[in-house]
C-alpha atoms as a PDB file:
ATOM      1  CA  MET A   1      80.334 103.672  99.373  1.00  0.00           C
ATOM      2  CA  GLU A   2      82.420 103.588 102.307  1.00  0.00           C
ATOM      3  CA  LYS A   3      85.157 101.395 102.913  1.00  0.00           C
ATOM      4  CA  LYS A   4      85.173  98.712 105.631  1.00  0.00           C
ATOM      5  CA  ASP A   5      88.271  98.503 107.972  1.00  0.00           C
ATOM      6  CA  LYS A   6      89.371  95.225 107.814  1.00  0.00           C
ATOM      7  CA  PRO A   7      91.983  94.137 109.738  1.00  0.00           C
ATOM      8  CA  LYS A   8      95.405  93.421 107.921  1.00  0.00           C
ATOM      9  CA  SER A   9      97.827  90.701 109.027  1.00  0.00           C
ATOM     10  CA  LEU A  10     101.460  91.934 109.419  1.00  0.00           C
ATOM     11  CA  LEU A  11     103.865  90.484 106.524  1.00  0.00           C
ATOM     12  CA  ILE A  12     107.138  88.906 107.020  1.00  0.00           C
ATOM     13  CA  PHE A  13     109.425  88.003 104.479  1.00  0.00           C
ATOM     14  CA  CYS A  14     111.400  84.753 105.678  1.00  0.00           C
ATOM     15  CA  ASP A  15     115.086  84.789 104.513  1.00  0.00           C
ATOM     16  CA  LYS A  16     118.056  82.367 104.860  1.00  0.00           C
ATOM     17  CA  HIS A  17     119.772  84.661 107.188  1.00  0.00           C
ATOM     18  CA  GLY A  18     117.320  84.219 110.195  1.00  0.00           C
ATOM     19  CA  GLU A  19     116.622  87.902 110.768  1.00  0.00           C
ATOM     20  CA  TRP A  20     112.720  86.883 110.405  1.00  0.00           C
ATOM     21  CA  LYS A  21     112.953  84.819 113.823  1.00  0.00           C
ATOM     22  CA  GLY A  22     113.467  88.371 115.937  1.00  0.00           C
ATOM     23  CA  LYS A  23     110.771  90.436 114.128  1.00  0.00           C
ATOM     24  CA  LEU A  24     108.179  87.073 114.751  1.00  0.00           C
ATOM     25  CA  GLU A  25     109.062  87.422 118.349  1.00  0.00           C
ATOM     26  CA  LYS A  26     108.325  91.166 118.384  1.00  0.00           C
ATOM     27  CA  LEU A  27     104.834  90.721 116.540  1.00  0.00           C
ATOM     28  CA  LEU A  28     103.963  87.549 118.471  1.00  0.00           C
ATOM     29  CA  GLN A  29     103.654  90.080 121.589  1.00  0.00           C
ATOM     30  CA  THR A  30     100.909  91.846 119.970  1.00  0.00           C
ATOM     31  CA  ASP A  31      97.535  89.735 119.463  1.00  0.00           C
ATOM     32  CA  GLU A  32      97.435  90.602 115.611  1.00  0.00           C
ATOM     33  CA  LYS A  33      97.804  87.891 112.664  1.00  0.00           C
ATOM     34  CA  ILE A  34     101.041  87.407 111.297  1.00  0.00           C
ATOM     35  CA  THR A  35     101.679  86.552 107.554  1.00  0.00           C
ATOM     36  CA  LEU A  36     105.193  84.401 106.987  1.00  0.00           C
ATOM     37  CA  LEU A  37     106.156  83.938 103.445  1.00  0.00           C
ATOM     38  CA  ALA A  38     108.901  81.727 102.347  1.00  0.00           C
ATOM     39  CA  LEU A  39     110.964  80.153  99.472  1.00  0.00           C
ATOM     40  CA  GLY A  40     113.345  77.039  98.994  1.00  0.00           C
ATOM     41  CA  ASP A  41     114.643  75.441 101.973  1.00  0.00           C
ATOM     42  CA  VAL A  42     113.880  78.300 104.195  1.00  0.00           C
ATOM     43  CA  LYS A  43     110.277  77.078 103.972  1.00  0.00           C
ATOM     44  CA  PHE A  44     111.424  73.954 106.321  1.00  0.00           C
ATOM     45  CA  ASP A  45     112.954  76.393 108.623  1.00  0.00           C
ATOM     46  CA  VAL A  46     109.495  78.399 109.024  1.00  0.00           C
ATOM     47  CA  LEU A  47     107.699  75.221 109.623  1.00  0.00           C
ATOM     48  CA  ARG A  48     109.718  73.502 112.090  1.00  0.00           C
ATOM     49  CA  LEU A  49     110.010  76.725 114.241  1.00  0.00           C
ATOM     50  CA  ILE A  50     105.981  77.036 114.084  1.00  0.00           C
ATOM     51  CA  HIS A  51     105.722  73.097 115.016  1.00  0.00           C
ATOM     52  CA  ARG A  52     108.287  73.507 117.652  1.00  0.00           C
ATOM     53  CA  ARG A  53     106.690  76.352 119.263  1.00  0.00           C
ATOM     54  CA  ARG A  54     103.407  75.456 121.781  1.00  0.00           C
ATOM     55  CA  ASP A  55     102.099  79.168 121.825  1.00  0.00           C
ATOM     56  CA  ILE A  56     101.994  79.587 118.122  1.00  0.00           C
ATOM     57  CA  GLU A  57      98.495  78.756 116.282  1.00  0.00           C
ATOM     58  CA  ILE A  58      98.301  78.589 113.004  1.00  0.00           C
ATOM     59  CA  LEU A  59      95.458  80.064 111.071  1.00  0.00           C
ATOM     60  CA  LYS A  60      96.046  79.448 107.524  1.00  0.00           C
ATOM     61  CA  LEU A  61      98.798  77.505 105.362  1.00  0.00           C
ATOM     62  CA  GLU A  62      99.092  77.868 101.819  1.00  0.00           C
ATOM     63  CA  THR A  63     101.688  76.339  99.050  1.00  0.00           C
ATOM     64  CA  ARG A  64     102.201  77.782  95.770  1.00  0.00           C
ATOM     65  CA  GLN A  65     104.716  76.470  92.755  1.00  0.00           C
ATOM     66  CA  MET A  66     106.280  79.720  91.870  1.00  0.00           C
ATOM     67  CA  LYS A  67     106.008  80.941  88.153  1.00  0.00           C
ATOM     68  CA  LYS A  68     110.005  80.413  87.663  1.00  0.00           C
ATOM     69  CA  ARG A  69     110.398  76.756  88.481  1.00  0.00           C
ATOM     70  CA  GLU A  70     114.076  77.599  90.086  1.00  0.00           C
ATOM     71  CA  LYS A  71     112.260  79.252  92.875  1.00  0.00           C
ATOM     72  CA  GLY A  72     110.439  75.729  93.849  1.00  0.00           C
ATOM     73  CA  THR A  73     107.554  75.823  96.218  1.00  0.00           C
ATOM     74  CA  GLY A  74     106.752  78.957  98.158  1.00  0.00           C
ATOM     75  CA  VAL A  75     104.918  78.520 101.708  1.00  0.00           C
ATOM     76  CA  LYS A  76     102.548  81.058 103.075  1.00  0.00           C
ATOM     77  CA  VAL A  77     101.644  80.605 106.654  1.00  0.00           C
ATOM     78  CA  THR A  78      99.311  82.974 108.795  1.00  0.00           C
ATOM     79  CA  VAL A  79      99.851  82.504 112.496  1.00  0.00           C
ATOM     80  CA  ARG A  80      98.899  84.113 115.778  1.00  0.00           C
ATOM     81  CA  ARG A  81     100.099  83.731 119.177  1.00  0.00           C
ATOM     82  CA  ARG A  82      97.689  81.361 121.198  1.00  0.00           C
ATOM     83  CA  MET A  83      96.060  82.710 124.003  1.00  0.00           C
ATOM     84  CA  GLN A  84      96.349  79.965 126.704  1.00  0.00           C
ATOM     85  CA  ALA A  85      99.228  77.185 125.576  1.00  0.00           C
ATOM     86  CA  GLU A  86      98.235  73.583 125.378  1.00  0.00           C
ATOM     87  CA  PRO A  87      99.779  71.315 128.059  1.00  0.00           C
ATOM     88  CA  LEU A  88     102.335  68.622 126.214  1.00  0.00           C
ATOM     89  CA  GLN A  89     100.911  65.210 126.416  1.00  0.00           C
ATOM     90  CA  LYS A  90     103.047  62.208 126.921  1.00  0.00           C
END
């Protein structure tokens, strides 16, 4: 049997230092899917950034309670660059 080549999304783990923002900017220049993983309070920063940017399209959003309760809830967001930004509605 032959394996079918499935396009994989690029993975970025988001941490509290904010280095993931620069990586996201670089990867958004390509037209590939990008998966962002975040835990704790960082997930709010990730969701806030994605919501604020009109040129980013959310393809999939998942939340999960981590096995270790002290880690809290994690979020996994798959995004890509929107081909044309939507006009702002006032």
